[in-house]
Amino acid sequence: MIITREKALSTPQSMRHTVRRALRSSLLELGSGTKAELSDKLGISFPTVGKVLEQMKQEGGSHPAWTG
């Protein structure tokens, strides 16, 4: 089954999952990064990056780069 980008991002839940996955992948790839760097790299707004990183941290994310 092929899922198009439009279908993958059609709900708030799928968008949230996609953003989290992109942030996690970028942090693992880069080792660390500022919110501004992640925002630029991924094309996600700075406030969204900050909000998602904070949620990840509160949910038990333990990667050193997620601390802000």
Protein backbone atom coordinates (compact mmCIF):
# COMPACT_ATOMS: atom_id res chain seq x y z
CA MET A 1 0.00 0.00 0.00
CA ILE A 2 1.38 3.39 -0.98
CA ILE A 3 0.53 6.36 1.23
CA THR A 4 0.79 9.77 -0.38
CA ARG A 5 2.18 12.74 1.51
CA GLU A 6 -1.23 14.41 1.48
CA LYS A 7 -2.85 11.35 3.05
CA ALA A 8 -0.03 10.90 5.59
CA LEU A 9 -0.48 14.47 6.83
CA SER A 10 -4.25 14.58 6.67
CA THR A 11 -4.96 14.46 10.40
CA PRO A 12 -3.50 16.35 13.36
CA GLN A 13 -2.34 13.04 14.86
CA SER A 14 -0.49 11.97 11.73
CA MET A 15 1.08 15.43 11.38
CA ARG A 16 2.21 15.35 15.02
CA HIS A 17 3.71 11.88 14.50
CA THR A 18 5.50 13.01 11.34
CA VAL A 19 6.97 16.08 13.07
CA ARG A 20 8.15 14.03 16.06
CA ARG A 21 9.74 11.44 13.82
CA ALA A 22 11.51 14.10 11.76
CA LEU A 23 12.84 15.84 14.87
CA ARG A 24 14.01 12.58 16.43
CA SER A 25 15.71 11.48 13.21
CA SER A 26 17.44 14.83 12.79
CA LEU A 27 18.69 14.85 16.38
CA LEU A 28 20.02 11.32 16.06
CA GLU A 29 21.69 12.22 12.75
CA LEU A 30 23.18 15.51 13.96
CA GLY A 31 23.89 14.54 17.56
CA SER A 32 22.53 17.92 18.69
CA GLY A 33 20.98 21.04 17.30
CA THR A 34 19.37 24.26 18.36
CA LYS A 35 15.67 24.83 17.89
CA ALA A 36 16.52 27.36 15.18
CA GLU A 37 18.77 24.87 13.35
CA LEU A 38 16.12 22.15 13.52
CA SER A 39 13.44 24.58 12.36
CA ASP A 40 15.54 25.60 9.34
CA LYS A 41 16.59 22.06 8.49
CA LEU A 42 13.08 20.61 8.64
CA GLY A 43 11.03 23.59 7.48
CA ILE A 44 8.99 23.48 10.70
CA SER A 45 8.19 26.66 12.61
CA PHE A 46 10.41 27.54 15.57
CA PRO A 47 7.46 27.51 18.04
CA THR A 48 6.37 24.07 16.80
CA VAL A 49 9.89 22.68 17.23
CA GLY A 50 10.02 24.05 20.77
CA LYS A 51 6.59 22.70 21.66
CA VAL A 52 7.28 19.22 20.32
CA LEU A 53 10.71 19.02 21.98
CA GLU A 54 9.16 20.04 25.30
CA GLN A 55 6.46 17.37 24.92
CA MET A 56 9.09 14.76 24.09
CA LYS A 57 11.11 15.77 27.14
CA GLN A 58 8.08 15.59 29.44
CA GLU A 59 7.18 12.16 28.08
CA GLY A 60 10.55 10.78 29.03
CA GLY A 61 12.82 11.61 26.13
CA SER A 62 16.32 11.24 27.49
CA HIS A 63 18.51 12.29 24.57
CA PRO A 64 20.89 15.06 25.77
CA ALA A 65 20.05 17.22 22.75
CA TRP A 66 16.38 17.32 23.77
CA THR A 67 17.02 19.35 26.88
CA GLY A 68 16.63 22.66 25.10
